Amino acid sequence: MNPDTPFRQNPVVWLIGAVIVGAIIYLLSPILAPFLMAFVLAYLGEPIVRTLENWKLPRWAAILVGYLLILIVMGSLVLLVLPLAQEQLEELIKKAPSYKSAIMGYMQPVVDLWHSYNGSVQGSGDKGDGSTAGSVVSLAKDAAPQAGGAVSSAFDAVARSGMAVAKTLMNIFLIPVLAFYLLRDWDKLSRQTLRLVPEHYRSKTGVIAKDVDEVLQGFLRGQLLVMASLAFMYSTGLWLIGLEFGLLIGVIAGLLSVVPYLGTLTGLVLAAIAMVVQTGEWQPLWMVGLVFGVGQFIEGNILTPKLVGDKIDLHPVVVIFVVLAGGQLFGFTGILLALPVAAMVWVIIKRTVGTIPSDEPLNQ
């Protein structure tokens, strides 16, 4: 057996192992979220800590300084953005009734058309006013027994919300602690993990791990920069054209840009609705289209090629699928980790199994 090609020689064994690991992760998913987030935080913080160590700082001091730098950066962003976001949220809450009325006004012709269609279909079954009154009474009788169940469900929802808040607070304190221990023992954990690999596979595994690390570091840094750049561009552009809630919509579009075209489409729809409701006219929509068109052009031709490049090398359909699958299996944490995990798996597949060149015909 060639030790450099274990996947080629034992694909079934590796497939069974992957299925078992996937099943264990799925079964433990309710408790894995803080550990996964801590690992991501430690992974992103490792280069900072290593750089600080090179400045002759002890490992523990380098971790604390790294934490402090992250807190300063995040705190500065919060102090800059939070007041504007809070102001826009308060304005949105204040104007929500008028927005609802305006949207319902635009939708009323469609609703009227739908009611007229239903009336024409069901007209033969109408019995006049008495039947209408009877249907109302019947509806009330059917709804009354469900009132108690609705109240009980409301209390259950409140209880679940309280548990969710408690769990979130626990994770807020737990994730930095776990990340600290992971960062403190990062080198030791890496060596011990490599020792779990059979000795004649370690050289190949080390090369693969190095490739995965390079791809993940480049992809994560580049994607975060792309998201931040798009959020800034969209927010600024929507503010320049006078949209009231441009900051919120721009930030949402930037965050969702991790999925190809999702951020642009979502931001475009939200901004178009807000512009029509705000102005009561359709003509200003060209400015909204211009903002997102310019943003999409810059993202596709400048930001993504320069900052991310072909690091992940996955088709957009695959990207959308893995993000949705991650959300379905592991919730919000799965959405955050879907692309890094997919990139890692794809690098491993390319490095071990190899890929078929695009100009090489498949065997018939």
Protein backbone atom coordinates (compact mmCIF):
# COMPACT_ATOMS: atom_id res chain seq x y z
CA MET A 1 0.00 0.00 0.00
CA ASN A 2 1.27 3.43 -0.89
CA PRO A 3 1.25 5.44 2.37
CA ASP A 4 0.82 8.70 0.47
CA THR A 5 -2.59 7.75 -0.91
CA PRO A 6 -4.64 6.29 1.96
CA PHE A 7 -7.90 7.72 0.64
CA ARG A 8 -7.41 6.09 -2.73
CA GLN A 9 -6.70 2.70 -1.17
CA ASN A 10 -9.38 2.72 1.57
CA PRO A 11 -12.25 4.98 0.47
CA VAL A 12 -14.89 2.86 2.19
CA VAL A 13 -13.09 2.98 5.55
CA TRP A 14 -12.72 6.73 5.37
CA LEU A 15 -16.34 7.14 4.27
CA ILE A 16 -17.57 5.06 7.22
CA GLY A 17 -15.39 7.09 9.57
CA ALA A 18 -16.75 10.35 8.17
CA VAL A 19 -20.34 9.13 8.59
CA ILE A 20 -19.68 8.12 12.21
CA VAL A 21 -18.05 11.45 13.02
CA GLY A 22 -20.90 13.31 11.33
CA ALA A 23 -23.48 11.35 13.30
CA ILE A 24 -21.71 12.07 16.60
CA ILE A 25 -21.50 15.78 15.77
CA TYR A 26 -25.18 15.85 14.86
CA LEU A 27 -26.22 14.10 18.09
CA LEU A 28 -24.08 16.44 20.19
CA SER A 29 -25.00 19.59 18.26
CA PRO A 30 -27.09 21.14 21.10
CA ILE A 31 -23.96 21.46 23.27
CA LEU A 32 -21.33 21.95 20.58
CA ALA A 33 -22.12 25.57 19.67
CA PRO A 34 -19.97 27.31 22.35
CA PHE A 35 -17.07 24.91 21.71
CA LEU A 36 -17.20 25.52 17.96
CA MET A 37 -17.40 29.27 18.41
CA ALA A 38 -14.51 29.15 20.88
CA PHE A 39 -12.45 27.13 18.40
CA VAL A 40 -13.14 29.66 15.62
CA LEU A 41 -12.21 32.53 17.94
CA ALA A 42 -9.01 30.75 18.96
CA TYR A 43 -8.19 29.90 15.36
CA LEU A 44 -8.58 33.51 14.24
CA GLY A 45 -6.67 34.77 17.27
CA GLU A 46 -3.73 32.39 16.94
CA PRO A 47 -1.77 34.54 14.41
CA ILE A 48 -2.19 37.60 16.66
CA VAL A 49 -1.02 35.70 19.71
CA ARG A 50 1.95 34.22 17.84
CA THR A 51 2.97 37.69 16.64
CA LEU A 52 2.81 39.02 20.19
CA GLU A 53 4.85 36.04 21.38
CA ASN A 54 7.54 36.99 18.89
CA TRP A 55 7.73 40.30 20.77
CA LYS A 56 8.94 38.32 23.82
CA LEU A 57 5.57 38.26 25.61
CA PRO A 58 4.63 35.15 27.59
CA ARG A 59 1.90 33.06 26.01
CA TRP A 60 -0.73 33.95 28.62
CA ALA A 61 0.11 37.66 28.37
CA ALA A 62 -0.04 37.52 24.57
CA ILE A 63 -3.53 35.98 24.78
CA LEU A 64 -4.76 38.66 27.17
CA VAL A 65 -3.28 41.45 25.03
CA GLY A 66 -4.90 39.86 21.96
CA TYR A 67 -8.25 39.79 23.77
CA LEU A 68 -7.76 43.44 24.71
CA LEU A 69 -7.01 44.43 21.12
CA ILE A 70 -10.11 42.60 19.86
CA LEU A 71 -12.26 44.27 22.52
CA ILE A 72 -10.86 47.71 21.63
CA VAL A 73 -11.58 47.21 17.92
CA MET A 74 -15.07 45.79 18.50
CA GLY A 75 -15.84 48.43 21.12
CA SER A 76 -14.79 51.22 18.76
CA LEU A 77 -17.03 49.84 16.03
CA VAL A 78 -19.94 49.52 18.46
CA LEU A 79 -19.46 53.07 19.72
CA LEU A 80 -19.42 54.37 16.17
CA VAL A 81 -22.31 52.33 14.77
CA LEU A 82 -24.55 51.71 17.79
CA PRO A 83 -25.87 55.28 18.23
CA LEU A 84 -26.83 55.50 14.56
CA ALA A 85 -28.35 52.02 14.58
CA GLN A 86 -30.31 52.77 17.76
CA GLU A 87 -31.61 56.01 16.28
CA GLN A 88 -32.75 54.25 13.13
CA LEU A 89 -34.36 51.42 15.11
CA GLU A 90 -36.32 53.90 17.21
CA GLU A 91 -37.39 55.71 14.05
CA LEU A 92 -38.41 52.43 12.44
CA ILE A 93 -40.51 51.45 15.47
CA LYS A 94 -42.14 54.88 15.47
CA LYS A 95 -42.99 54.71 11.77
CA ALA A 96 -43.92 51.01 11.67
CA PRO A 97 -47.72 51.69 11.66
CA SER A 98 -47.44 54.14 8.76
CA TYR A 99 -45.20 51.70 6.86
CA LYS A 100 -47.74 48.94 7.43
CA SER A 101 -50.58 51.15 6.18
CA ALA A 102 -48.62 52.16 3.09
CA ILE A 103 -47.67 48.57 2.25
CA MET A 104 -51.26 47.41 2.75
CA GLY A 105 -52.39 50.25 0.49
CA TYR A 106 -50.10 49.05 -2.28
CA MET A 107 -51.23 45.44 -1.72
CA GLN A 108 -54.95 46.27 -1.57
CA PRO A 109 -55.61 45.84 -5.32
CA VAL A 110 -54.09 42.35 -5.18
CA VAL A 111 -56.14 41.51 -2.08
CA ASP A 112 -59.32 42.79 -3.74
CA LEU A 113 -58.60 40.73 -6.83
CA TRP A 114 -58.06 37.64 -4.68
CA HIS A 115 -61.31 38.19 -2.77
CA SER A 116 -63.25 38.73 -5.98
CA TYR A 117 -61.80 35.50 -7.39
CA ASN A 118 -62.73 33.54 -4.25
CA GLY A 119 -66.18 35.11 -4.28
CA SER A 120 -66.78 34.03 -7.86
CA VAL A 121 -65.63 30.48 -7.12
CA GLN A 122 -67.61 30.10 -3.88
CA GLY A 123 -70.63 32.19 -4.89
CA SER A 124 -72.78 29.14 -5.56
CA GLY A 125 -72.35 28.03 -1.95
CA ASP A 126 -73.34 31.35 -0.33
CA LYS A 127 -76.62 31.37 1.62
CA GLY A 128 -76.98 35.08 2.24
CA ASP A 129 -76.55 37.06 5.45
CA GLY A 130 -77.88 34.30 7.67
CA SER A 131 -75.23 31.91 6.39
CA THR A 132 -72.56 34.52 6.93
CA ALA A 133 -73.71 35.10 10.50
CA GLY A 134 -73.84 31.37 11.05
CA SER A 135 -70.31 30.97 9.77
CA VAL A 136 -69.12 33.66 12.16
CA VAL A 137 -70.85 31.93 15.09
CA SER A 138 -69.41 28.60 14.02
CA LEU A 139 -65.95 30.13 13.78
CA ALA A 140 -66.32 31.57 17.30
CA LYS A 141 -67.39 28.19 18.66
CA ASP A 142 -64.42 26.51 17.05
CA ALA A 143 -62.02 29.14 18.33
CA ALA A 144 -63.25 29.19 21.94
CA PRO A 145 -61.93 25.76 22.98
CA GLN A 146 -58.52 26.72 21.60
CA ALA A 147 -58.17 29.82 23.78
CA GLY A 148 -56.85 27.88 26.74
CA GLY A 149 -54.35 26.10 24.53
CA ALA A 150 -53.21 29.40 23.08
CA VAL A 151 -52.60 30.83 26.56
CA SER A 152 -50.68 27.71 27.56
CA SER A 153 -48.59 27.93 24.41
CA ALA A 154 -47.84 31.57 25.16
CA PHE A 155 -46.56 30.68 28.64
CA ASP A 156 -44.46 27.87 27.14
CA ALA A 157 -43.00 30.31 24.62
CA VAL A 158 -42.10 32.76 27.38
CA ALA A 159 -40.43 29.96 29.36
CA ARG A 160 -38.47 28.84 26.32
CA SER A 161 -37.43 32.41 25.65
CA GLY A 162 -36.16 32.71 29.23
CA MET A 163 -34.14 29.52 28.83
CA ALA A 164 -32.75 30.77 25.53
CA VAL A 165 -31.66 34.05 27.15
CA ALA A 166 -30.00 32.15 30.01
CA LYS A 167 -28.23 29.86 27.53
CA THR A 168 -27.03 32.85 25.50
CA LEU A 169 -25.65 34.58 28.59
CA MET A 170 -23.88 31.39 29.64
CA ASN A 171 -22.30 31.07 26.19
CA ILE A 172 -21.17 34.71 26.28
CA PHE A 173 -19.10 33.94 29.37
CA LEU A 174 -18.15 30.40 28.35
CA ILE A 175 -16.82 31.05 24.83
CA PRO A 176 -13.96 33.42 25.84
CA VAL A 177 -12.89 31.03 28.62
CA LEU A 178 -12.81 28.05 26.25
CA ALA A 179 -10.99 30.11 23.63
CA PHE A 180 -8.37 31.14 26.22
CA TYR A 181 -7.56 27.52 27.09
CA LEU A 182 -7.47 26.53 23.43
CA LEU A 183 -5.08 29.38 22.64
CA ARG A 184 -2.90 28.62 25.66
CA ASP A 185 -2.40 24.99 24.62
CA TRP A 186 -2.71 25.41 20.85
CA ASP A 187 0.69 23.98 19.94
CA LYS A 188 0.33 21.10 22.40
CA LEU A 189 -3.14 20.23 21.10
CA SER A 190 -1.90 20.37 17.51
CA ARG A 191 0.96 17.96 18.24
CA GLN A 192 -1.27 15.59 20.18
CA THR A 193 -3.86 15.60 17.41
CA LEU A 194 -1.18 14.77 14.85
CA ARG A 195 -0.02 11.85 17.01
CA LEU A 196 -3.48 10.31 16.64
CA VAL A 197 -2.70 9.81 12.94
CA PRO A 198 -0.80 6.59 12.04
CA GLU A 199 2.90 7.32 11.72
CA HIS A 200 3.20 6.53 8.00
CA TYR A 201 0.38 9.01 7.26
CA ARG A 202 1.68 11.89 9.38
CA SER A 203 3.81 13.52 6.68
CA LYS A 204 0.90 13.66 4.25
CA THR A 205 -1.49 14.79 6.99
CA GLY A 206 0.86 17.62 7.97
CA VAL A 207 0.97 18.88 4.39
CA ILE A 208 -2.83 18.72 4.12
CA ALA A 209 -3.24 20.51 7.46
CA LYS A 210 -0.91 23.28 6.28
CA ASP A 211 -2.92 23.69 3.06
CA VAL A 212 -6.19 23.76 5.00
CA ASP A 213 -4.77 26.36 7.39
CA GLU A 214 -3.66 28.62 4.55
CA VAL A 215 -7.01 28.34 2.78
CA LEU A 216 -9.07 28.93 5.92
CA GLN A 217 -7.01 31.86 7.14
CA GLY A 218 -7.12 33.54 3.75
CA PHE A 219 -10.80 32.84 3.24
CA LEU A 220 -11.95 33.96 6.69
CA ARG A 221 -9.91 37.17 6.67
CA GLY A 222 -10.92 37.97 3.11
CA GLN A 223 -14.61 37.21 3.64
CA LEU A 224 -14.79 39.35 6.77
CA LEU A 225 -13.17 42.24 4.90
CA VAL A 226 -15.59 41.80 1.98
CA MET A 227 -18.61 41.79 4.32
CA ALA A 228 -17.39 44.88 6.17
CA SER A 229 -16.60 46.70 2.91
CA LEU A 230 -20.01 45.93 1.41
CA ALA A 231 -21.83 46.95 4.59
CA PHE A 232 -19.97 50.28 4.51
CA MET A 233 -20.58 50.85 0.79
CA TYR A 234 -24.26 49.97 0.86
CA SER A 235 -24.91 52.01 4.01
CA THR A 236 -23.06 55.02 2.61
CA GLY A 237 -24.76 54.77 -0.78
CA LEU A 238 -28.25 54.46 0.70
CA TRP A 239 -27.52 57.38 3.03
CA LEU A 240 -26.40 59.53 0.08
CA ILE A 241 -29.66 58.90 -1.80
CA GLY A 242 -31.62 59.90 1.31
CA LEU A 243 -33.03 56.52 2.44
CA GLU A 244 -34.13 56.72 6.08
CA PHE A 245 -33.00 53.26 7.17
CA GLY A 246 -29.97 52.97 4.93
CA LEU A 247 -27.60 51.97 7.74
CA LEU A 248 -29.68 49.01 8.89
CA ILE A 249 -30.33 47.79 5.36
CA GLY A 250 -26.68 48.20 4.38
CA VAL A 251 -25.45 46.25 7.39
CA ILE A 252 -27.95 43.45 6.73
CA ALA A 253 -26.90 43.27 3.08
CA GLY A 254 -23.22 43.19 4.04
CA LEU A 255 -23.68 40.39 6.59
CA LEU A 256 -25.71 38.28 4.17
CA SER A 257 -23.12 38.68 1.42
CA VAL A 258 -21.38 35.59 2.77
CA VAL A 259 -23.83 33.74 0.48
CA PRO A 260 -23.38 34.77 -3.19
CA TYR A 261 -26.01 37.30 -4.31
CA LEU A 262 -28.13 36.81 -1.18
CA GLY A 263 -26.94 40.03 0.46
CA THR A 264 -27.44 42.06 -2.71
CA LEU A 265 -30.92 40.68 -3.42
CA THR A 266 -32.09 41.04 0.19
CA GLY A 267 -30.75 44.57 0.50
CA LEU A 268 -32.20 45.55 -2.88
CA VAL A 269 -35.69 44.32 -1.96
CA LEU A 270 -35.65 45.95 1.49
CA ALA A 271 -34.28 49.23 0.17
CA ALA A 272 -36.80 49.30 -2.69
CA ILE A 273 -39.73 48.78 -0.30
CA ALA A 274 -38.40 51.43 2.08
CA MET A 275 -37.87 53.92 -0.75
CA VAL A 276 -41.36 53.45 -2.21
CA VAL A 277 -43.00 53.77 1.20
CA GLN A 278 -40.85 56.77 2.13
CA THR A 279 -41.38 58.76 -1.07
CA GLY A 280 -44.67 57.34 -2.35
CA GLU A 281 -43.14 57.21 -5.84
CA TRP A 282 -41.53 54.59 -8.06
CA GLN A 283 -39.06 56.82 -9.88
CA PRO A 284 -36.41 56.90 -7.09
CA LEU A 285 -35.99 53.13 -7.38
CA TRP A 286 -33.35 53.67 -10.06
CA MET A 287 -31.08 55.17 -7.38
CA VAL A 288 -31.52 52.09 -5.20
CA GLY A 289 -30.69 49.88 -8.19
CA LEU A 290 -27.62 52.02 -8.90
CA VAL A 291 -26.31 51.65 -5.32
CA PHE A 292 -26.59 47.87 -5.33
CA GLY A 293 -25.46 47.56 -8.94
CA VAL A 294 -22.26 49.47 -8.19
CA GLY A 295 -21.76 47.46 -4.99
CA GLN A 296 -22.21 44.16 -6.82
CA PHE A 297 -19.79 45.25 -9.56
CA ILE A 298 -17.13 46.26 -7.01
CA GLU A 299 -17.63 43.03 -5.07
CA GLY A 300 -17.41 40.77 -8.11
CA ASN A 301 -14.53 42.53 -9.88
CA ILE A 302 -12.42 44.02 -7.08
CA LEU A 303 -13.22 42.91 -3.52
CA THR A 304 -13.75 39.16 -3.91
CA PRO A 305 -10.93 38.58 -6.45
CA LYS A 306 -8.43 40.62 -4.41
CA LEU A 307 -9.42 39.66 -0.86
CA VAL A 308 -10.79 36.12 -1.23
CA GLY A 309 -9.72 35.03 -4.69
CA ASP A 310 -10.22 31.33 -5.38
CA LYS A 311 -9.46 30.29 -1.81
CA ILE A 312 -12.65 28.32 -1.35
CA ASP A 313 -13.08 27.30 -5.02
CA LEU A 314 -16.70 26.16 -4.59
CA HIS A 315 -19.56 26.71 -7.03
CA PRO A 316 -22.18 29.25 -5.85
CA VAL A 317 -24.86 26.53 -5.84
CA VAL A 318 -22.69 24.44 -3.50
CA VAL A 319 -22.09 27.48 -1.27
CA ILE A 320 -25.83 28.15 -0.95
CA PHE A 321 -26.51 24.48 -0.23
CA VAL A 322 -23.89 24.13 2.52
CA VAL A 323 -25.05 27.35 4.21
CA LEU A 324 -28.68 26.16 4.21
CA ALA A 325 -27.64 22.68 5.35
CA GLY A 326 -25.55 24.14 8.17
CA GLY A 327 -28.48 26.24 9.31
CA GLN A 328 -30.84 23.27 9.18
CA LEU A 329 -28.52 21.01 11.20
CA PHE A 330 -26.91 23.39 13.67
CA GLY A 331 -28.90 26.63 13.54
CA PHE A 332 -27.14 29.99 13.45
CA THR A 333 -23.82 28.43 14.46
CA GLY A 334 -24.09 26.10 11.48
CA ILE A 335 -24.63 29.04 9.15
CA LEU A 336 -21.47 30.71 10.45
CA LEU A 337 -19.34 27.57 10.22
CA ALA A 338 -20.76 26.04 7.03
CA LEU A 339 -18.40 27.70 4.56
CA PRO A 340 -15.17 27.24 6.57
CA VAL A 341 -15.97 23.56 7.08
CA ALA A 342 -16.88 23.14 3.39
CA ALA A 343 -13.62 24.83 2.37
CA MET A 344 -11.66 22.55 4.67
CA VAL A 345 -13.37 19.40 3.35
CA TRP A 346 -12.86 20.51 -0.25
CA VAL A 347 -9.15 21.11 0.30
CA ILE A 348 -8.81 17.66 1.85
CA ILE A 349 -10.65 16.06 -1.07
CA LYS A 350 -8.52 17.86 -3.65
CA ARG A 351 -5.33 17.03 -1.81
CA THR A 352 -6.10 13.35 -1.27
CA VAL A 353 -8.38 12.21 -4.07
CA GLY A 354 -7.49 14.87 -6.60
CA THR A 355 -9.72 16.60 -9.14
CA ILE A 356 -10.33 15.92 -12.83
CA PRO A 357 -9.06 18.73 -15.08
CA SER A 358 -11.81 20.57 -16.92
CA ASP A 359 -10.34 19.65 -20.33
CA GLU A 360 -10.00 15.93 -19.53
CA PRO A 361 -12.98 13.85 -20.73
CA LEU A 362 -14.61 11.46 -18.27
CA ASN A 363 -14.20 7.74 -18.92
CA GLN A 364 -17.25 6.32 -20.61
